[in-house]
N, C-alpha and C. Protein backbone atom coordinates (compact mmCIF):
# COMPACT_ATOMS: atom_id res chain seq x y z
N UNK A 1 0.81 -1.20 0.00
CA UNK A 1 0.00 0.00 0.00
C UNK A 1 0.86 1.26 0.00
N UNK A 2 1.88 1.31 0.88
CA UNK A 2 2.72 2.49 0.94
C UNK A 2 3.61 2.61 -0.29
N UNK A 3 3.92 1.48 -0.92
CA UNK A 3 4.70 1.51 -2.16
C UNK A 3 3.93 2.16 -3.28
N UNK A 4 2.64 1.89 -3.34
CA UNK A 4 1.79 2.49 -4.37
C UNK A 4 1.68 4.00 -4.15
N UNK A 5 1.51 4.41 -2.90
CA UNK A 5 1.42 5.84 -2.59
C UNK A 5 2.74 6.54 -2.92
N UNK A 6 3.84 5.89 -2.63
CA UNK A 6 5.15 6.45 -2.96
C UNK A 6 5.35 6.59 -4.46
N UNK A 7 4.94 5.58 -5.22
CA UNK A 7 5.07 5.65 -6.68
C UNK A 7 4.20 6.77 -7.23
N UNK A 8 2.98 6.90 -6.74
CA UNK A 8 2.10 7.96 -7.22
C UNK A 8 2.60 9.35 -6.83
N UNK A 9 3.15 9.47 -5.63
CA UNK A 9 3.69 10.77 -5.21
C UNK A 9 4.90 11.17 -6.05
N UNK A 10 5.81 10.23 -6.24
CA UNK A 10 6.99 10.52 -7.06
C UNK A 10 6.60 10.80 -8.50
N UNK A 11 5.63 10.06 -9.01
CA UNK A 11 5.22 10.29 -10.40
C UNK A 11 4.53 11.65 -10.54
N UNK A 12 3.83 12.10 -9.52
CA UNK A 12 3.20 13.42 -9.59
C UNK A 12 4.25 14.52 -9.67
N UNK A 13 5.32 14.40 -8.89
CA UNK A 13 6.38 15.40 -8.92
C UNK A 13 7.09 15.39 -10.27
N UNK A 14 7.44 14.21 -10.76
CA UNK A 14 8.12 14.13 -12.04
C UNK A 14 7.21 14.53 -13.19
N UNK A 15 5.94 14.22 -13.11
CA UNK A 15 4.99 14.62 -14.15
C UNK A 15 4.88 16.14 -14.20
N UNK A 16 4.83 16.77 -13.05
CA UNK A 16 4.74 18.23 -12.99
C UNK A 16 5.97 18.87 -13.63
N UNK A 17 7.16 18.36 -13.31
CA UNK A 17 8.39 18.90 -13.88
C UNK A 17 8.50 18.62 -15.37
N UNK A 18 8.14 17.40 -15.79
CA UNK A 18 8.21 17.05 -17.20
C UNK A 18 7.22 17.88 -18.01
N UNK A 19 6.02 18.10 -17.49
CA UNK A 19 5.03 18.92 -18.19
C UNK A 19 5.54 20.34 -18.36
N UNK A 20 6.17 20.88 -17.31
CA UNK A 20 6.72 22.23 -17.41
C UNK A 20 7.81 22.30 -18.46
N UNK A 21 8.76 21.38 -18.41
CA UNK A 21 9.87 21.42 -19.36
C UNK A 21 9.40 21.22 -20.80
N UNK A 22 8.52 20.27 -21.01
CA UNK A 22 8.05 19.99 -22.36
C UNK A 22 7.25 21.16 -22.92
N UNK A 23 6.35 21.70 -22.14
CA UNK A 23 5.52 22.81 -22.61
C UNK A 23 6.36 24.06 -22.84
N UNK A 24 7.28 24.34 -21.95
CA UNK A 24 8.14 25.51 -22.11
C UNK A 24 9.01 25.38 -23.35
N UNK A 25 9.53 24.20 -23.60
CA UNK A 25 10.33 23.98 -24.79
C UNK A 25 9.51 24.19 -26.06
N UNK A 26 8.29 23.66 -26.09
CA UNK A 26 7.45 23.82 -27.27
C UNK A 26 7.06 25.29 -27.48
N UNK A 27 6.72 25.99 -26.41
CA UNK A 27 6.34 27.39 -26.55
C UNK A 27 7.53 28.26 -26.97
N UNK A 28 8.71 27.94 -26.49
CA UNK A 28 9.90 28.67 -26.92
C UNK A 28 10.23 28.36 -28.37
N UNK A 29 10.02 27.13 -28.79
CA UNK A 29 10.28 26.74 -30.17
C UNK A 29 9.40 27.54 -31.14
N UNK A 30 8.15 27.77 -30.77
CA UNK A 30 7.24 28.51 -31.62
C UNK A 30 7.22 30.01 -31.33
N UNK A 31 8.06 30.47 -30.39
CA UNK A 31 8.21 31.88 -30.06
C UNK A 31 6.87 32.53 -29.73
N UNK A 32 6.15 31.91 -28.82
CA UNK A 32 4.80 32.33 -28.51
C UNK A 32 4.77 33.70 -27.83
N UNK A 33 5.72 33.97 -26.96
CA UNK A 33 5.69 35.25 -26.23
C UNK A 33 5.79 36.43 -27.20
N UNK A 34 6.66 36.33 -28.19
CA UNK A 34 6.78 37.40 -29.18
C UNK A 34 5.50 37.52 -30.00
N UNK A 35 4.91 36.38 -30.35
CA UNK A 35 3.66 36.40 -31.12
C UNK A 35 2.54 37.09 -30.35
N UNK A 36 2.51 36.88 -29.02
CA UNK A 36 1.49 37.55 -28.22
C UNK A 36 1.70 39.05 -28.21
N UNK A 37 2.96 39.48 -28.09
CA UNK A 37 3.24 40.90 -27.97
C UNK A 37 3.02 41.67 -29.26
N UNK A 38 3.17 41.01 -30.41
CA UNK A 38 2.95 41.70 -31.68
C UNK A 38 1.54 41.47 -32.21
N UNK A 39 0.72 40.73 -31.49
CA UNK A 39 -0.67 40.57 -31.86
C UNK A 39 -0.96 39.43 -32.82
N UNK A 40 0.01 38.57 -33.09
CA UNK A 40 -0.26 37.43 -33.95
C UNK A 40 -1.04 36.38 -33.17
N UNK A 41 -1.70 35.52 -33.88
CA UNK A 41 -2.51 34.49 -33.23
C UNK A 41 -1.62 33.45 -32.58
N UNK A 42 -1.68 33.41 -31.27
CA UNK A 42 -0.83 32.47 -30.54
C UNK A 42 -1.64 31.55 -29.64
N UNK A 43 -2.93 31.77 -29.52
CA UNK A 43 -3.76 30.95 -28.64
C UNK A 43 -3.80 29.49 -29.10
N UNK A 44 -3.91 29.28 -30.40
CA UNK A 44 -3.92 27.90 -30.92
C UNK A 44 -2.59 27.20 -30.67
N UNK A 45 -1.50 27.94 -30.76
CA UNK A 45 -0.19 27.35 -30.50
C UNK A 45 -0.06 26.98 -29.03
N UNK A 46 -0.59 27.81 -28.14
CA UNK A 46 -0.54 27.50 -26.71
C UNK A 46 -1.34 26.24 -26.41
N UNK A 47 -2.55 26.17 -26.93
CA UNK A 47 -3.39 25.00 -26.68
C UNK A 47 -2.78 23.76 -27.32
N UNK A 48 -2.29 23.89 -28.55
CA UNK A 48 -1.67 22.75 -29.23
C UNK A 48 -0.43 22.25 -28.52
N UNK A 49 0.40 23.16 -28.04
CA UNK A 49 1.61 22.77 -27.31
C UNK A 49 1.26 22.03 -26.02
N UNK A 50 0.22 22.48 -25.34
CA UNK A 50 -0.20 21.80 -24.12
C UNK A 50 -0.77 20.42 -24.43
N UNK A 51 -1.48 20.27 -25.52
CA UNK A 51 -2.00 18.95 -25.89
C UNK A 51 -0.87 18.00 -26.25
N UNK A 52 0.10 18.49 -27.02
CA UNK A 52 1.25 17.66 -27.38
C UNK A 52 2.03 17.26 -26.13
N UNK A 53 2.21 18.20 -25.22
CA UNK A 53 2.91 17.90 -23.97
C UNK A 53 2.15 16.88 -23.14
N UNK A 54 0.82 17.00 -23.10
CA UNK A 54 0.01 16.02 -22.37
C UNK A 54 0.15 14.63 -22.97
N UNK A 55 0.13 14.54 -24.28
CA UNK A 55 0.28 13.24 -24.93
C UNK A 55 1.66 12.64 -24.64
N UNK A 56 2.70 13.46 -24.73
CA UNK A 56 4.04 12.97 -24.42
C UNK A 56 4.15 12.52 -22.96
N UNK A 57 3.54 13.28 -22.08
CA UNK A 57 3.56 12.93 -20.66
C UNK A 57 2.82 11.62 -20.41
N UNK A 58 1.67 11.45 -21.05
CA UNK A 58 0.90 10.22 -20.87
C UNK A 58 1.64 9.02 -21.45
N UNK A 59 2.26 9.16 -22.61
CA UNK A 59 3.02 8.05 -23.22
C UNK A 59 4.22 7.68 -22.36
N UNK A 60 4.94 8.70 -21.86
CA UNK A 60 6.10 8.41 -21.01
C UNK A 60 5.67 7.73 -19.71
N UNK A 61 4.57 8.20 -19.12
CA UNK A 61 4.07 7.57 -17.89
C UNK A 61 3.61 6.15 -18.12
N UNK A 62 2.92 5.92 -19.24
CA UNK A 62 2.47 4.57 -19.56
C UNK A 62 3.64 3.63 -19.80
N UNK A 63 4.66 4.14 -20.48
CA UNK A 63 5.84 3.31 -20.74
C UNK A 63 6.55 2.95 -19.44
N UNK A 64 6.68 3.91 -18.54
CA UNK A 64 7.34 3.64 -17.26
C UNK A 64 6.52 2.67 -16.41
N UNK A 65 5.21 2.82 -16.43
CA UNK A 65 4.37 1.89 -15.66
C UNK A 65 4.42 0.48 -16.25
N UNK A 66 4.44 0.37 -17.56
CA UNK A 66 4.53 -0.94 -18.18
C UNK A 66 5.87 -1.60 -17.90
N UNK A 67 6.93 -0.80 -17.93
CA UNK A 67 8.26 -1.34 -17.68
C UNK A 67 8.43 -1.78 -16.23
N UNK A 68 7.76 -1.09 -15.32
CA UNK A 68 7.90 -1.45 -13.91
C UNK A 68 6.93 -2.55 -13.48
N UNK A 69 6.01 -2.92 -14.36
CA UNK A 69 5.07 -3.98 -14.04
C UNK A 69 3.88 -3.51 -13.23
N UNK A 70 3.66 -2.22 -13.17
CA UNK A 70 2.53 -1.68 -12.41
C UNK A 70 1.47 -1.13 -13.37
N UNK A 71 1.03 -1.95 -14.28
CA UNK A 71 0.05 -1.49 -15.27
C UNK A 71 -1.33 -1.28 -14.66
N UNK A 72 -1.53 -1.69 -13.42
CA UNK A 72 -2.82 -1.45 -12.75
C UNK A 72 -2.98 0.00 -12.32
N UNK A 73 -1.95 0.81 -12.47
CA UNK A 73 -2.00 2.22 -12.07
C UNK A 73 -2.19 3.15 -13.27
N UNK A 74 -2.71 2.65 -14.37
CA UNK A 74 -2.87 3.47 -15.57
C UNK A 74 -3.83 4.64 -15.34
N UNK A 75 -4.96 4.40 -14.70
CA UNK A 75 -5.93 5.45 -14.49
C UNK A 75 -5.42 6.54 -13.54
N UNK A 76 -4.82 6.19 -12.39
CA UNK A 76 -4.24 7.26 -11.56
C UNK A 76 -3.12 8.01 -12.27
N UNK A 77 -2.35 7.32 -13.09
CA UNK A 77 -1.28 8.00 -13.83
C UNK A 77 -1.86 8.97 -14.85
N UNK A 78 -2.97 8.61 -15.46
CA UNK A 78 -3.62 9.52 -16.41
C UNK A 78 -4.15 10.75 -15.68
N UNK A 79 -4.71 10.58 -14.49
CA UNK A 79 -5.18 11.73 -13.71
C UNK A 79 -4.02 12.63 -13.30
N UNK A 80 -2.91 12.03 -12.95
CA UNK A 80 -1.73 12.82 -12.59
C UNK A 80 -1.24 13.61 -13.79
N UNK A 81 -1.21 12.98 -14.96
CA UNK A 81 -0.76 13.67 -16.17
C UNK A 81 -1.68 14.84 -16.52
N UNK A 82 -2.98 14.60 -16.46
CA UNK A 82 -3.93 15.67 -16.78
C UNK A 82 -3.84 16.80 -15.75
N UNK A 83 -3.71 16.45 -14.49
CA UNK A 83 -3.59 17.48 -13.45
C UNK A 83 -2.33 18.31 -13.59
N UNK A 84 -1.21 17.66 -13.87
CA UNK A 84 0.04 18.39 -14.03
C UNK A 84 -0.01 19.30 -15.24
N UNK A 85 -0.58 18.81 -16.32
CA UNK A 85 -0.64 19.64 -17.53
C UNK A 85 -1.67 20.75 -17.39
N UNK A 86 -2.73 20.51 -16.64
CA UNK A 86 -3.77 21.54 -16.47
C UNK A 86 -3.21 22.76 -15.74
N UNK A 87 -2.28 22.54 -14.81
CA UNK A 87 -1.66 23.66 -14.11
C UNK A 87 -0.96 24.57 -15.10
N UNK A 88 -0.20 23.98 -16.01
CA UNK A 88 0.55 24.80 -16.96
C UNK A 88 -0.35 25.39 -18.04
N UNK A 89 -1.40 24.68 -18.41
CA UNK A 89 -2.35 25.25 -19.37
C UNK A 89 -3.02 26.49 -18.79
N UNK A 90 -3.46 26.42 -17.55
CA UNK A 90 -4.08 27.58 -16.92
C UNK A 90 -3.09 28.75 -16.81
N UNK A 91 -1.86 28.44 -16.48
CA UNK A 91 -0.86 29.50 -16.39
C UNK A 91 -0.64 30.17 -17.74
N UNK A 92 -0.51 29.38 -18.79
CA UNK A 92 -0.26 29.95 -20.11
C UNK A 92 -1.49 30.69 -20.65
N UNK A 93 -2.67 30.22 -20.34
CA UNK A 93 -3.87 30.95 -20.75
C UNK A 93 -3.98 32.28 -20.00
N UNK A 94 -3.59 32.29 -18.73
CA UNK A 94 -3.60 33.53 -17.98
C UNK A 94 -2.58 34.51 -18.56
N UNK A 95 -1.37 34.02 -18.88
CA UNK A 95 -0.35 34.88 -19.50
C UNK A 95 -0.82 35.40 -20.85
N UNK A 96 -1.51 34.56 -21.61
CA UNK A 96 -2.05 35.00 -22.89
C UNK A 96 -3.06 36.12 -22.68
N UNK A 97 -3.95 35.93 -21.74
CA UNK A 97 -4.96 36.96 -21.47
C UNK A 97 -4.31 38.26 -21.02
N UNK A 98 -3.34 38.17 -20.13
CA UNK A 98 -2.67 39.36 -19.62
C UNK A 98 -1.89 40.09 -20.72
N UNK A 99 -1.08 39.37 -21.48
CA UNK A 99 -0.26 40.01 -22.50
C UNK A 99 -1.08 40.43 -23.71
N UNK A 100 -2.12 39.68 -24.02
CA UNK A 100 -2.95 40.03 -25.16
C UNK A 100 -3.69 41.34 -24.89
N UNK A 101 -4.16 41.54 -23.67
CA UNK A 101 -4.82 42.79 -23.33
C UNK A 101 -3.84 43.96 -23.32
N UNK A 102 -2.62 43.71 -22.90
CA UNK A 102 -1.62 44.76 -22.88
C UNK A 102 -1.33 45.24 -24.29
N UNK A 103 -1.28 44.33 -25.24
CA UNK A 103 -1.05 44.70 -26.63
C UNK A 103 -2.20 45.57 -27.13
N UNK A 104 -3.43 45.22 -26.78
CA UNK A 104 -4.58 45.99 -27.25
C UNK A 104 -4.55 47.41 -26.68
N UNK A 105 -4.18 47.57 -25.41
CA UNK A 105 -4.16 48.89 -24.81
C UNK A 105 -2.95 49.71 -25.26
N UNK A 106 -1.83 49.07 -25.52
CA UNK A 106 -0.66 49.80 -25.98
C UNK A 106 -0.78 50.23 -27.42
N UNK A 107 -1.65 49.59 -28.17
CA UNK A 107 -1.86 49.95 -29.56
C UNK A 107 -2.95 51.01 -29.67
N UNK A 108 -2.93 51.95 -28.77
CA UNK A 108 -3.94 53.00 -28.73
C UNK A 108 -3.74 53.97 -29.87
N UNK A 109 -4.82 54.28 -30.57
CA UNK A 109 -4.79 55.22 -31.67
C UNK A 109 -5.37 56.54 -31.18
N UNK A 110 -4.62 57.64 -31.17
CA UNK A 110 -5.15 58.90 -30.65
C UNK A 110 -6.29 59.47 -31.48
N UNK A 111 -6.49 58.98 -32.69
CA UNK A 111 -7.58 59.46 -33.54
C UNK A 111 -8.94 58.96 -33.04
N UNK A 112 -8.94 57.86 -32.27
CA UNK A 112 -10.18 57.26 -31.81
C UNK A 112 -10.49 57.82 -30.42
N UNK A 113 -11.73 58.17 -30.21
CA UNK A 113 -12.15 58.65 -28.90
C UNK A 113 -12.06 57.53 -27.87
N UNK A 114 -11.65 57.82 -26.64
CA UNK A 114 -11.53 56.77 -25.62
C UNK A 114 -12.86 56.05 -25.31
N UNK A 115 -13.98 56.74 -25.48
CA UNK A 115 -15.27 56.10 -25.18
C UNK A 115 -15.64 55.04 -26.21
N UNK A 116 -15.06 55.11 -27.40
CA UNK A 116 -15.43 54.14 -28.42
C UNK A 116 -14.61 52.87 -28.35
N UNK A 117 -13.55 52.87 -27.54
CA UNK A 117 -12.74 51.67 -27.40
C UNK A 117 -13.53 50.66 -26.56
N UNK A 118 -13.60 49.47 -27.04
CA UNK A 118 -14.32 48.43 -26.31
C UNK A 118 -13.35 47.37 -25.87
N UNK A 119 -13.68 46.76 -24.80
CA UNK A 119 -12.86 45.66 -24.28
C UNK A 119 -13.43 44.37 -24.81
N UNK A 120 -12.60 43.58 -25.46
CA UNK A 120 -13.10 42.31 -25.98
C UNK A 120 -12.43 41.15 -25.36
């Protein structure tokens, strides 16, 4: 019983770190931060990178569980993978919202009256 709890705890920590590294690498590869600041569409890249990272995390976890002979832990491992990736997805969506709004406000045109600017 305690061995299973230890495996799940260790896998949660490693899943969290692997999800961070994989997602950060993919977002840096596609230069998402610059795309957000110049107003290019980056939301699909953020969501796609998180999905790819989730799939890689799930495949790596399944491979490790199969190799260790603990294939009965597939469902908890899937929950750990989804939970770890959800943390980073929420963080990146929040950063997208924050930086995307900053771009809209910094691109202020003095010809337009302030009352006509709408928040979208």
